[in-house]
Structure formats: structure tokens, C-alpha cells
PDB file of all heavy atoms in Angstrom:
ATOM      1  N   CYS A   1     -11.529  -1.100   3.776  1.00  0.00           N
ATOM      2  CA  CYS A   1     -10.294  -1.724   3.467  1.00  0.00           C
ATOM      3  C   CYS A   1      -9.675  -0.586   2.553  1.00  0.00           C
ATOM      4  O   CYS A   1     -10.134  -0.391   1.459  1.00  0.00           O
ATOM      5  CB  CYS A   1     -10.566  -2.994   2.697  1.00  0.00           C
ATOM      6  SG  CYS A   1     -11.453  -4.260   3.660  1.00  0.00           S
ATOM      7  N   LEU A   2      -8.416  -0.228   2.889  1.00  0.00           N
ATOM      8  CA  LEU A   2      -7.757   0.915   2.245  1.00  0.00           C
ATOM      9  C   LEU A   2      -6.411   0.463   1.745  1.00  0.00           C
ATOM     10  O   LEU A   2      -5.556  -0.142   2.527  1.00  0.00           O
ATOM     11  CB  LEU A   2      -7.646   2.117   3.068  1.00  0.00           C
ATOM     12  CG  LEU A   2      -8.934   2.617   3.637  1.00  0.00           C
ATOM     13  CD1 LEU A   2      -8.689   3.750   4.726  1.00  0.00           C
ATOM     14  CD2 LEU A   2      -9.780   3.219   2.549  1.00  0.00           C
ATOM     15  N   THR A   3      -6.091   0.679   0.502  1.00  0.00           N
ATOM     16  CA  THR A   3      -4.858   0.236  -0.135  1.00  0.00           C
ATOM     17  C   THR A   3      -4.275   1.397  -0.951  1.00  0.00           C
ATOM     18  O   THR A   3      -5.135   2.048  -1.629  1.00  0.00           O
ATOM     19  CB  THR A   3      -5.019  -0.898  -0.950  1.00  0.00           C
ATOM     20  OG1 THR A   3      -5.406  -2.039  -0.130  1.00  0.00           O
ATOM     21  CG2 THR A   3      -3.685  -1.318  -1.701  1.00  0.00           C
ATOM     22  N   TRP A   4      -3.081   1.595  -0.995  1.00  0.00           N
ATOM     23  CA  TRP A   4      -2.375   2.619  -1.836  1.00  0.00           C
ATOM     24  C   TRP A   4      -1.964   2.025  -3.125  1.00  0.00           C
ATOM     25  O   TRP A   4      -1.286   0.901  -3.172  1.00  0.00           O
ATOM     26  CB  TRP A   4      -1.138   3.240  -1.142  1.00  0.00           C
ATOM     27  CG  TRP A   4      -1.441   4.145  -0.018  1.00  0.00           C
ATOM     28  CD1 TRP A   4      -1.533   3.862   1.340  1.00  0.00           C
ATOM     29  CD2 TRP A   4      -1.890   5.433  -0.131  1.00  0.00           C
ATOM     30  NE1 TRP A   4      -1.915   4.926   1.997  1.00  0.00           N
ATOM     31  CE2 TRP A   4      -2.089   5.977   1.168  1.00  0.00           C
ATOM     32  CE3 TRP A   4      -2.072   6.378  -1.270  1.00  0.00           C
ATOM     33  CZ2 TRP A   4      -2.489   7.258   1.457  1.00  0.00           C
ATOM     34  CZ3 TRP A   4      -2.514   7.614  -0.978  1.00  0.00           C
ATOM     35  CH2 TRP A   4      -2.678   8.150   0.290  1.00  0.00           C
ATOM     36  N   PHE A   5      -2.233   2.651  -4.204  1.00  0.00           N
ATOM     37  CA  PHE A   5      -1.799   2.356  -5.532  1.00  0.00           C
ATOM     38  C   PHE A   5      -1.002   3.470  -6.163  1.00  0.00           C
ATOM     39  O   PHE A   5      -1.058   4.666  -5.730  1.00  0.00           O
ATOM     40  CB  PHE A   5      -2.913   1.943  -6.495  1.00  0.00           C
ATOM     41  CG  PHE A   5      -3.684   0.782  -6.221  1.00  0.00           C
ATOM     42  CD1 PHE A   5      -4.609   0.668  -5.130  1.00  0.00           C
ATOM     43  CD2 PHE A   5      -3.374  -0.418  -6.875  1.00  0.00           C
ATOM     44  CE1 PHE A   5      -5.266  -0.482  -4.760  1.00  0.00           C
ATOM     45  CE2 PHE A   5      -4.056  -1.594  -6.622  1.00  0.00           C
ATOM     46  CZ  PHE A   5      -5.098  -1.607  -5.597  1.00  0.00           C
ATOM     47  N   ARG A   6      -0.191   3.197  -7.272  1.00  0.00           N
ATOM     48  CA  ARG A   6       0.396   4.270  -7.928  1.00  0.00           C
ATOM     49  C   ARG A   6       0.480   3.924  -9.534  1.00  0.00           C
ATOM     50  O   ARG A   6       0.377   2.774  -9.875  1.00  0.00           O
ATOM     51  CB  ARG A   6       1.790   4.583  -7.540  1.00  0.00           C
ATOM     52  CG  ARG A   6       2.837   3.522  -7.866  1.00  0.00           C
ATOM     53  CD  ARG A   6       4.211   3.973  -7.185  1.00  0.00           C
ATOM     54  NE  ARG A   6       5.242   2.971  -7.478  1.00  0.00           N
ATOM     55  CZ  ARG A   6       6.353   3.022  -7.002  1.00  0.00           C
ATOM     56  NH1 ARG A   6       6.758   3.967  -6.105  1.00  0.00           N
ATOM     57  NH2 ARG A   6       7.271   2.091  -7.362  1.00  0.00           N
ATOM     58  N   GLN A   7       0.447   4.960 -10.294  1.00  0.00           N
ATOM     59  CA  GLN A   7       0.453   4.780 -11.732  1.00  0.00           C
ATOM     60  C   GLN A   7       1.218   5.931 -12.468  1.00  0.00           C
ATOM     61  O   GLN A   7       0.988   7.044 -12.133  1.00  0.00           O
ATOM     62  CB  GLN A   7      -1.056   4.718 -12.271  1.00  0.00           C
ATOM     63  CG  GLN A   7      -1.145   4.369 -13.749  1.00  0.00           C
ATOM     64  CD  GLN A   7      -2.632   4.068 -14.087  1.00  0.00           C
ATOM     65  OE1 GLN A   7      -3.533   4.563 -13.430  1.00  0.00           O
ATOM     66  NE2 GLN A   7      -2.815   3.263 -15.140  1.00  0.00           N
ATOM     67  N   THR A   8       2.022   5.495 -13.431  1.00  0.00           N
ATOM     68  CA  THR A   8       2.755   6.452 -14.297  1.00  0.00           C
ATOM     69  C   THR A   8       1.986   6.586 -15.585  1.00  0.00           C
ATOM     70  O   THR A   8       1.226   5.675 -15.953  1.00  0.00           O
ATOM     71  CB  THR A   8       4.163   6.026 -14.593  1.00  0.00           C
ATOM     72  OG1 THR A   8       4.139   4.729 -15.121  1.00  0.00           O
ATOM     73  CG2 THR A   8       4.990   5.991 -13.250  1.00  0.00           C
ATOM     74  N   PRO A   9       2.147   7.648 -16.381  1.00  0.00           N
ATOM     75  CA  PRO A   9       1.391   7.804 -17.597  1.00  0.00           C
ATOM     76  C   PRO A   9       1.766   6.583 -18.514  1.00  0.00           C
ATOM     77  O   PRO A   9       2.958   6.313 -18.851  1.00  0.00           O
ATOM     78  CB  PRO A   9       2.024   9.086 -18.189  1.00  0.00           C
ATOM     79  CG  PRO A   9       2.443   9.888 -16.973  1.00  0.00           C
ATOM     80  CD  PRO A   9       2.950   8.882 -15.998  1.00  0.00           C
ATOM     81  N   GLY A  10       0.727   5.980 -18.996  1.00  0.00           N
ATOM     82  CA  GLY A  10       0.906   4.796 -19.872  1.00  0.00           C
ATOM     83  C   GLY A  10       1.318   3.524 -19.239  1.00  0.00           C
ATOM     84  O   GLY A  10       1.492   2.494 -19.925  1.00  0.00           O
ATOM     85  N   GLY A  11       1.469   3.595 -17.902  1.00  0.00           N
ATOM     86  CA  GLY A  11       1.874   2.423 -17.169  1.00  0.00           C
ATOM     87  C   GLY A  11       0.810   1.658 -16.501  1.00  0.00           C
ATOM     88  O   GLY A  11      -0.284   2.075 -16.467  1.00  0.00           O
ATOM     89  N   GLU A  12       1.166   0.545 -15.917  1.00  0.00           N
ATOM     90  CA  GLU A  12       0.201  -0.322 -15.195  1.00  0.00           C
ATOM     91  C   GLU A  12      -0.050   0.321 -13.811  1.00  0.00           C
ATOM     92  O   GLU A  12       0.912   0.894 -13.207  1.00  0.00           O
ATOM     93  CB  GLU A  12       0.693  -1.738 -15.050  1.00  0.00           C
ATOM     94  CG  GLU A  12       0.802  -2.415 -16.364  1.00  0.00           C
ATOM     95  CD  GLU A  12      -0.491  -2.750 -17.003  1.00  0.00           C
ATOM     96  OE1 GLU A  12      -1.574  -2.833 -16.276  1.00  0.00           O
ATOM     97  OE2 GLU A  12      -0.560  -2.906 -18.208  1.00  0.00           O
ATOM     98  N   ARG A  13      -1.246   0.319 -13.349  1.00  0.00           N
ATOM     99  CA  ARG A  13      -1.455   0.643 -11.918  1.00  0.00           C
ATOM    100  C   ARG A  13      -0.995  -0.539 -10.989  1.00  0.00           C
ATOM    101  O   ARG A  13      -1.406  -1.662 -11.102  1.00  0.00           O
ATOM    102  CB  ARG A  13      -2.979   0.899 -11.740  1.00  0.00           C
ATOM    103  CG  ARG A  13      -3.401   1.406 -10.392  1.00  0.00           C
ATOM    104  CD  ARG A  13      -4.810   1.867 -10.325  1.00  0.00           C
ATOM    105  NE  ARG A  13      -5.058   2.926 -11.280  1.00  0.00           N
ATOM    106  CZ  ARG A  13      -6.129   3.615 -11.441  1.00  0.00           C
ATOM    107  NH1 ARG A  13      -7.176   3.183 -10.754  1.00  0.00           N
ATOM    108  NH2 ARG A  13      -6.280   4.560 -12.362  1.00  0.00           N
ATOM    109  N   GLU A  14      -0.197  -0.150 -10.104  1.00  0.00           N
ATOM    110  CA  GLU A  14       0.358  -1.159  -9.178  1.00  0.00           C
ATOM    111  C   GLU A  14       0.061  -0.916  -7.699  1.00  0.00           C
ATOM    112  O   GLU A  14       0.127   0.284  -7.264  1.00  0.00           O
ATOM    113  CB  GLU A  14       1.877  -1.330  -9.424  1.00  0.00           C
ATOM    114  CG  GLU A  14       2.646  -0.060  -9.230  1.00  0.00           C
ATOM    115  CD  GLU A  14       4.090  -0.253  -9.519  1.00  0.00           C
ATOM    116  OE1 GLU A  14       4.572  -1.348  -9.903  1.00  0.00           O
ATOM    117  OE2 GLU A  14       4.853   0.754  -9.482  1.00  0.00           O
ATOM    118  N   GLY A  15      -0.223  -1.847  -7.018  1.00  0.00           N
ATOM    119  CA  GLY A  15      -0.441  -1.802  -5.550  1.00  0.00           C
ATOM    120  C   GLY A  15       0.826  -1.514  -4.839  1.00  0.00           C
ATOM    121  O   GLY A  15       1.882  -2.129  -5.126  1.00  0.00           O
ATOM    122  N   ILE A  16       0.811  -0.639  -3.932  1.00  0.00           N
ATOM    123  CA  ILE A  16       2.046  -0.165  -3.214  1.00  0.00           C
ATOM    124  C   ILE A  16       2.111  -0.740  -1.772  1.00  0.00           C
ATOM    125  O   ILE A  16       3.116  -1.308  -1.329  1.00  0.00           O
ATOM    126  CB  ILE A  16       2.180   1.306  -3.201  1.00  0.00           C
ATOM    127  CG1 ILE A  16       2.154   1.892  -4.614  1.00  0.00           C
ATOM    128  CG2 ILE A  16       3.359   1.732  -2.367  1.00  0.00           C
ATOM    129  CD1 ILE A  16       3.411   1.462  -5.411  1.00  0.00           C
ATOM    130  N   ALA A  17       1.003  -0.571  -1.039  1.00  0.00           N
ATOM    131  CA  ALA A  17       0.988  -0.887   0.309  1.00  0.00           C
ATOM    132  C   ALA A  17      -0.424  -1.046   0.767  1.00  0.00           C
ATOM    133  O   ALA A  17      -1.337  -0.400   0.438  1.00  0.00           O
ATOM    134  CB  ALA A  17       1.687   0.143   1.220  1.00  0.00           C
ATOM    135  N   SER A  18      -0.641  -1.974   1.712  1.00  0.00           N
ATOM    136  CA  SER A  18      -1.970  -2.184   2.326  1.00  0.00           C
ATOM    137  C   SER A  18      -1.837  -2.816   3.707  1.00  0.00           C
ATOM    138  O   SER A  18      -0.754  -3.300   4.081  1.00  0.00           O
ATOM    139  CB  SER A  18      -2.755  -3.233   1.404  1.00  0.00           C
ATOM    140  OG  SER A  18      -2.152  -4.465   1.412  1.00  0.00           O
ATOM    141  N   THR A  19      -2.873  -2.722   4.483  1.00  0.00           N
ATOM    142  CA  THR A  19      -3.046  -3.445   5.657  1.00  0.00           C
ATOM    143  C   THR A  19      -4.186  -4.347   5.734  1.00  0.00           C
ATOM    144  O   THR A  19      -5.192  -4.130   5.008  1.00  0.00           O
ATOM    145  CB  THR A  19      -3.225  -2.355   6.877  1.00  0.00           C
ATOM    146  OG1 THR A  19      -4.426  -1.701   6.653  1.00  0.00           O
ATOM    147  CG2 THR A  19      -2.105  -1.415   6.933  1.00  0.00           C
ATOM    148  N   ALA A  20      -3.977  -5.468   6.369  1.00  0.00           N
ATOM    149  CA  ALA A  20      -5.060  -6.473   6.544  1.00  0.00           C
ATOM    150  C   ALA A  20      -5.702  -6.368   8.006  1.00  0.00           C
ATOM    151  O   ALA A  20      -5.042  -5.936   8.976  1.00  0.00           O
ATOM    152  CB  ALA A  20      -4.642  -7.892   6.328  1.00  0.00           C
ATOM    153  N   SER A  21      -6.849  -6.915   8.178  1.00  0.00           N
ATOM    154  CA  SER A  21      -7.477  -6.822   9.465  1.00  0.00           C
ATOM    155  C   SER A  21      -6.855  -7.698  10.513  1.00  0.00           C
ATOM    156  O   SER A  21      -7.017  -7.369  11.759  1.00  0.00           O
ATOM    157  CB  SER A  21      -8.992  -7.312   9.296  1.00  0.00           C
ATOM    158  OG  SER A  21      -9.701  -6.449   8.527  1.00  0.00           O
ATOM    159  N   ASP A  22      -5.982  -8.627  10.075  1.00  0.00           N
ATOM    160  CA  ASP A  22      -5.230  -9.368  11.121  1.00  0.00           C
ATOM    161  C   ASP A  22      -3.947  -8.714  11.499  1.00  0.00           C
ATOM    162  O   ASP A  22      -3.154  -9.269  12.311  1.00  0.00           O
ATOM    163  CB  ASP A  22      -4.916 -10.834  10.547  1.00  0.00           C
ATOM    164  CG  ASP A  22      -4.008 -10.760   9.313  1.00  0.00           C
ATOM    165  OD1 ASP A  22      -3.619  -9.636   8.827  1.00  0.00           O
ATOM    166  OD2 ASP A  22      -3.786 -11.853   8.706  1.00  0.00           O
ATOM    167  N   GLY A  23      -3.701  -7.474  11.060  1.00  0.00           N
ATOM    168  CA  GLY A  23      -2.554  -6.736  11.459  1.00  0.00           C
ATOM    169  C   GLY A  23      -1.389  -6.790  10.485  1.00  0.00           C
ATOM    170  O   GLY A  23      -0.420  -6.077  10.670  1.00  0.00           O
ATOM    171  N   ASN A  24      -1.408  -7.764   9.552  1.00  0.00           N
ATOM    172  CA  ASN A  24      -0.388  -7.799   8.586  1.00  0.00           C
ATOM    173  C   ASN A  24      -0.297  -6.636   7.681  1.00  0.00           C
ATOM    174  O   ASN A  24      -1.277  -6.027   7.347  1.00  0.00           O
ATOM    175  CB  ASN A  24      -0.452  -9.106   7.742  1.00  0.00           C
ATOM    176  CG  ASN A  24      -0.115 -10.362   8.484  1.00  0.00           C
ATOM    177  OD1 ASN A  24       0.753 -10.277   9.441  1.00  0.00           O
ATOM    178  ND2 ASN A  24      -0.668 -11.459   8.130  1.00  0.00           N
ATOM    179  N   THR A  25       0.839  -6.264   7.148  1.00  0.00           N
ATOM    180  CA  THR A  25       1.007  -5.298   6.186  1.00  0.00           C
ATOM    181  C   THR A  25       1.790  -5.793   4.932  1.00  0.00           C
ATOM    182  O   THR A  25       2.509  -6.820   5.092  1.00  0.00           O
ATOM    183  CB  THR A  25       1.844  -4.123   6.710  1.00  0.00           C
ATOM    184  OG1 THR A  25       3.125  -4.474   7.172  1.00  0.00           O
ATOM    185  CG2 THR A  25       1.140  -3.380   7.911  1.00  0.00           C
ATOM    186  N   TYR A  26       1.414  -5.301   3.816  1.00  0.00           N
ATOM    187  CA  TYR A  26       1.994  -5.770   2.536  1.00  0.00           C
ATOM    188  C   TYR A  26       2.581  -4.595   1.760  1.00  0.00           C
ATOM    189  O   TYR A  26       1.935  -3.529   1.769  1.00  0.00           O
ATOM    190  CB  TYR A  26       0.916  -6.521   1.817  1.00  0.00           C
ATOM    191  CG  TYR A  26       0.257  -7.734   2.561  1.00  0.00           C
ATOM    192  CD1 TYR A  26      -0.891  -7.486   3.279  1.00  0.00           C
ATOM    193  CD2 TYR A  26       0.885  -8.908   2.591  1.00  0.00           C
ATOM    194  CE1 TYR A  26      -1.472  -8.550   4.070  1.00  0.00           C
ATOM    195  CE2 TYR A  26       0.342 -10.006   3.341  1.00  0.00           C
ATOM    196  CZ  TYR A  26      -0.825  -9.773   4.001  1.00  0.00           C
ATOM    197  OH  TYR A  26      -1.353 -10.766   4.740  1.00  0.00           O
ATOM    198  N   TYR A  27       3.693  -4.818   1.074  1.00  0.00           N
ATOM    199  CA  TYR A  27       4.335  -3.810   0.332  1.00  0.00           C
ATOM    200  C   TYR A  27       4.767  -4.423  -1.013  1.00  0.00           C
ATOM    201  O   TYR A  27       5.205  -5.533  -1.180  1.00  0.00           O
ATOM    202  CB  TYR A  27       5.535  -3.299   1.099  1.00  0.00           C
ATOM    203  CG  TYR A  27       5.172  -2.574   2.350  1.00  0.00           C
ATOM    204  CD1 TYR A  27       5.281  -3.285   3.597  1.00  0.00           C
ATOM    205  CD2 TYR A  27       4.919  -1.300   2.382  1.00  0.00           C
ATOM    206  CE1 TYR A  27       4.908  -2.715   4.694  1.00  0.00           C
ATOM    207  CE2 TYR A  27       4.614  -0.604   3.543  1.00  0.00           C
ATOM    208  CZ  TYR A  27       4.603  -1.333   4.678  1.00  0.00           C
ATOM    209  OH  TYR A  27       4.306  -0.667   5.888  1.00  0.00           O
ATOM    210  N   LEU A  28       4.743  -3.445  -1.996  1.00  0.00           N
ATOM    211  CA  LEU A  28       5.400  -3.704  -3.335  1.00  0.00           C
ATOM    212  C   LEU A  28       6.950  -3.958  -3.011  1.00  0.00           C
ATOM    213  O   LEU A  28       7.486  -3.079  -2.197  1.00  0.00           O
ATOM    214  CB  LEU A  28       5.197  -2.596  -4.222  1.00  0.00           C
ATOM    215  CG  LEU A  28       5.837  -2.757  -5.629  1.00  0.00           C
ATOM    216  CD1 LEU A  28       5.114  -3.808  -6.458  1.00  0.00           C
ATOM    217  CD2 LEU A  28       5.634  -1.313  -6.339  1.00  0.00           C
ATOM    218  N   GLY A  29       7.550  -4.868  -3.569  1.00  0.00           N
ATOM    219  CA  GLY A  29       8.945  -5.174  -3.287  1.00  0.00           C
ATOM    220  C   GLY A  29       9.878  -3.982  -3.411  1.00  0.00           C
ATOM    221  O   GLY A  29      10.739  -3.744  -2.657  1.00  0.00           O
ATOM    222  N   SER A  30       9.630  -3.088  -4.400  1.00  0.00           N
ATOM    223  CA  SER A  30      10.518  -1.953  -4.709  1.00  0.00           C
ATOM    224  C   SER A  30      10.359  -0.841  -3.716  1.00  0.00           C
ATOM    225  O   SER A  30      11.280   0.089  -3.645  1.00  0.00           O
ATOM    226  CB  SER A  30      10.257  -1.408  -6.095  1.00  0.00           C
ATOM    227  OG  SER A  30       8.956  -1.016  -6.262  1.00  0.00           O
ATOM    228  N   VAL A  31       9.326  -0.896  -2.804  1.00  0.00           N
ATOM    229  CA  VAL A  31       9.208   0.160  -1.815  1.00  0.00           C
ATOM    230  C   VAL A  31       9.353  -0.434  -0.358  1.00  0.00           C
ATOM    231  O   VAL A  31       9.498   0.470   0.584  1.00  0.00           O
ATOM    232  CB  VAL A  31       7.838   0.882  -1.901  1.00  0.00           C
ATOM    233  CG1 VAL A  31       7.514   1.329  -3.310  1.00  0.00           C
ATOM    234  CG2 VAL A  31       6.680  -0.035  -1.402  1.00  0.00           C
ATOM    235  N   ARG A  32       9.464  -1.696  -0.224  1.00  0.00           N
ATOM    236  CA  ARG A  32       9.609  -2.314   1.060  1.00  0.00           C
ATOM    237  C   ARG A  32      10.851  -1.713   1.698  1.00  0.00           C
ATOM    238  O   ARG A  32      11.912  -1.605   1.101  1.00  0.00           O
ATOM    239  CB  ARG A  32       9.641  -3.810   0.997  1.00  0.00           C
ATOM    240  CG  ARG A  32       9.631  -4.538   2.309  1.00  0.00           C
ATOM    241  CD  ARG A  32       9.509  -6.053   2.189  1.00  0.00           C
ATOM    242  NE  ARG A  32       8.177  -6.414   1.740  1.00  0.00           N
ATOM    243  CZ  ARG A  32       7.878  -6.924   0.568  1.00  0.00           C
ATOM    244  NH1 ARG A  32       8.952  -7.141  -0.353  1.00  0.00           N
ATOM    245  NH2 ARG A  32       6.709  -7.231   0.288  1.00  0.00           N
ATOM    246  N   ASP A  33      10.841  -1.393   3.067  1.00  0.00           N
ATOM    247  CA  ASP A  33      11.899  -0.854   3.841  1.00  0.00           C
ATOM    248  C   ASP A  33      12.106   0.645   3.622  1.00  0.00           C
ATOM    249  O   ASP A  33      12.904   1.217   4.294  1.00  0.00           O
ATOM    250  CB  ASP A  33      13.221  -1.630   3.568  1.00  0.00           C
ATOM    251  CG  ASP A  33      13.158  -3.111   3.908  1.00  0.00           C
ATOM    252  OD1 ASP A  33      12.524  -3.458   4.902  1.00  0.00           O
ATOM    253  OD2 ASP A  33      13.838  -3.850   3.253  1.00  0.00           O
ATOM    254  N   ARG A  34      11.353   1.204   2.666  1.00  0.00           N
ATOM    255  CA  ARG A  34      11.403   2.661   2.432  1.00  0.00           C
ATOM    256  C   ARG A  34      10.110   3.291   2.772  1.00  0.00           C
ATOM    257  O   ARG A  34       9.995   4.415   3.324  1.00  0.00           O
ATOM    258  CB  ARG A  34      11.785   3.014   1.006  1.00  0.00           C
ATOM    259  CG  ARG A  34      13.194   2.592   0.616  1.00  0.00           C
ATOM    260  CD  ARG A  34      13.623   3.089  -0.724  1.00  0.00           C
ATOM    261  NE  ARG A  34      12.733   2.670  -1.711  1.00  0.00           N
ATOM    262  CZ  ARG A  34      11.960   3.441  -2.559  1.00  0.00           C
ATOM    263  NH1 ARG A  34      12.022   4.756  -2.311  1.00  0.00           N
ATOM    264  NH2 ARG A  34      11.213   2.908  -3.512  1.00  0.00           N
ATOM    265  N   PHE A  35       9.019   2.509   2.408  1.00  0.00           N
ATOM    266  CA  PHE A  35       7.636   3.096   2.740  1.00  0.00           C
ATOM    267  C   PHE A  35       7.026   2.339   3.889  1.00  0.00           C
ATOM    268  O   PHE A  35       7.408   1.213   4.203  1.00  0.00           O
ATOM    269  CB  PHE A  35       6.722   2.858   1.612  1.00  0.00           C
ATOM    270  CG  PHE A  35       7.031   3.679   0.307  1.00  0.00           C
ATOM    271  CD1 PHE A  35       8.191   4.409   0.216  1.00  0.00           C
ATOM    272  CD2 PHE A  35       6.191   3.675  -0.737  1.00  0.00           C
ATOM    273  CE1 PHE A  35       8.491   5.109  -0.884  1.00  0.00           C
ATOM    274  CE2 PHE A  35       6.461   4.391  -1.849  1.00  0.00           C
ATOM    275  CZ  PHE A  35       7.688   5.113  -1.979  1.00  0.00           C
ATOM    276  N   SER A  36       6.124   3.138   4.655  1.00  0.00           N
ATOM    277  CA  SER A  36       5.444   2.459   5.804  1.00  0.00           C
ATOM    278  C   SER A  36       3.984   2.846   5.720  1.00  0.00           C
ATOM    279  O   SER A  36       3.678   3.986   5.618  1.00  0.00           O
ATOM    280  CB  SER A  36       6.080   2.856   7.140  1.00  0.00           C
ATOM    281  OG  SER A  36       5.470   2.285   8.218  1.00  0.00           O
ATOM    282  N   ILE A  37       3.041   1.810   5.901  1.00  0.00           N
ATOM    283  CA  ILE A  37       1.684   2.119   5.859  1.00  0.00           C
ATOM    284  C   ILE A  37       1.067   2.029   7.284  1.00  0.00           C
ATOM    285  O   ILE A  37       1.506   1.092   8.073  1.00  0.00           O
ATOM    286  CB  ILE A  37       0.973   1.265   4.872  1.00  0.00           C
ATOM    287  CG1 ILE A  37      -0.537   1.688   4.836  1.00  0.00           C
ATOM    288  CG2 ILE A  37       1.007  -0.207   5.258  1.00  0.00           C
ATOM    289  CD1 ILE A  37      -1.311   0.940   3.659  1.00  0.00           C
ATOM    290  N   SER A  38       0.183   2.855   7.597  1.00  0.00           N
ATOM    291  CA  SER A  38      -0.580   2.642   8.838  1.00  0.00           C
ATOM    292  C   SER A  38      -2.063   3.065   8.675  1.00  0.00           C
ATOM    293  O   SER A  38      -2.306   3.984   7.934  1.00  0.00           O
ATOM    294  CB  SER A  38       0.009   3.546  10.018  1.00  0.00           C
ATOM    295  OG  SER A  38       0.041   4.881   9.661  1.00  0.00           O
ATOM    296  N   GLN A  39      -3.018   2.277   9.204  1.00  0.00           N
ATOM    297  CA  GLN A  39      -4.333   2.594   9.090  1.00  0.00           C
ATOM    298  C   GLN A  39      -5.044   2.709  10.454  1.00  0.00           C
ATOM    299  O   GLN A  39      -4.748   1.857  11.378  1.00  0.00           O
ATOM    300  CB  GLN A  39      -5.082   1.566   8.223  1.00  0.00           C
ATOM    301  CG  GLN A  39      -6.598   1.882   8.098  1.00  0.00           C
ATOM    302  CD  GLN A  39      -7.225   0.975   7.068  1.00  0.00           C
ATOM    303  OE1 GLN A  39      -6.567   0.234   6.273  1.00  0.00           O
ATOM    304  NE2 GLN A  39      -8.574   0.983   7.061  1.00  0.00           N
ATOM    305  N   ASN A  40      -5.931   3.647  10.564  1.00  0.00           N
ATOM    306  CA  ASN A  40      -6.802   3.731  11.745  1.00  0.00           C
ATOM    307  C   ASN A  40      -8.206   4.066  11.421  1.00  0.00           C
ATOM    308  O   ASN A  40      -8.490   5.197  11.022  1.00  0.00           O
ATOM    309  CB  ASN A  40      -6.278   4.850  12.702  1.00  0.00           C
ATOM    310  CG  ASN A  40      -7.047   5.073  13.932  1.00  0.00           C
ATOM    311  OD1 ASN A  40      -7.765   4.121  14.359  1.00  0.00           O
ATOM    312  ND2 ASN A  40      -6.910   6.164  14.645  1.00  0.00           N
ATOM    313  N   GLU A  41      -8.983   3.056  11.352  1.00  0.00           N
ATOM    314  CA  GLU A  41     -10.384   3.180  10.954  1.00  0.00           C
ATOM    315  C   GLU A  41     -10.512   3.644   9.589  1.00  0.00           C
ATOM    316  O   GLU A  41     -10.135   2.918   8.654  1.00  0.00           O
ATOM    317  CB  GLU A  41     -11.177   4.030  12.026  1.00  0.00           C
ATOM    318  CG  GLU A  41     -11.124   3.506  13.424  1.00  0.00           C
ATOM    319  CD  GLU A  41     -11.893   2.247  13.618  1.00  0.00           C
ATOM    320  OE1 GLU A  41     -12.848   1.958  12.773  1.00  0.00           O
ATOM    321  OE2 GLU A  41     -11.687   1.535  14.560  1.00  0.00           O
ATOM    322  N   ASN A  42     -10.943   4.924   9.373  1.00  0.00           N
ATOM    323  CA  ASN A  42     -11.227   5.371   7.971  1.00  0.00           C
ATOM    324  C   ASN A  42     -10.083   6.167   7.408  1.00  0.00           C
ATOM    325  O   ASN A  42     -10.227   6.777   6.393  1.00  0.00           O
ATOM    326  CB  ASN A  42     -12.487   6.234   8.010  1.00  0.00           C
ATOM    327  CG  ASN A  42     -12.282   7.563   8.844  1.00  0.00           C
ATOM    328  OD1 ASN A  42     -11.721   7.473   9.908  1.00  0.00           O
ATOM    329  ND2 ASN A  42     -12.869   8.686   8.338  1.00  0.00           N
ATOM    330  N   MET A  43      -8.979   6.148   8.086  1.00  0.00           N
ATOM    331  CA  MET A  43      -7.793   6.922   7.653  1.00  0.00           C
ATOM    332  C   MET A  43      -6.637   5.977   7.408  1.00  0.00           C
ATOM    333  O   MET A  43      -6.357   5.113   8.231  1.00  0.00           O
ATOM    334  CB  MET A  43      -7.452   8.002   8.698  1.00  0.00           C
ATOM    335  CG  MET A  43      -8.478   9.043   8.974  1.00  0.00           C
ATOM    336  SD  MET A  43      -7.922  10.265  10.118  1.00  0.00           S
ATOM    337  CE  MET A  43      -9.463  11.186  10.368  1.00  0.00           C
ATOM    338  N   VAL A  44      -5.869   6.282   6.361  1.00  0.00           N
ATOM    339  CA  VAL A  44      -4.626   5.536   6.076  1.00  0.00           C
ATOM    340  C   VAL A  44      -3.500   6.444   5.677  1.00  0.00           C
ATOM    341  O   VAL A  44      -3.815   7.502   4.994  1.00  0.00           O
ATOM    342  CB  VAL A  44      -4.859   4.424   5.036  1.00  0.00           C
ATOM    343  CG1 VAL A  44      -5.253   5.060   3.672  1.00  0.00           C
ATOM    344  CG2 VAL A  44      -3.666   3.498   4.927  1.00  0.00           C
TER     345      VAL A  44
END
């Protein structure tokens, strides 16, 4: 299960994008429509 996070100095670590086994994808609101995640087995 692979998910992207990001963090700025002194900031909170926030989830950016992930995929679920049912095929759904999830995005942080501020990156939706600009970022795209894809996963194939052990690579994302």
C-alpha cells in the first residue's frame, strides 16, 4: 500500500495522493486536478 506525502520545514506532514485496492484514488484538495497517481504492484 503506497501513498505520497509531503512536508515543509516546521510544517505538518500531509497526505497528497493514494490508491486503494478497489481502484479508487484519493487526493489532497489543493492538488486535485493537477496531480495524478498511478500504482502498479510495487511501484507508484
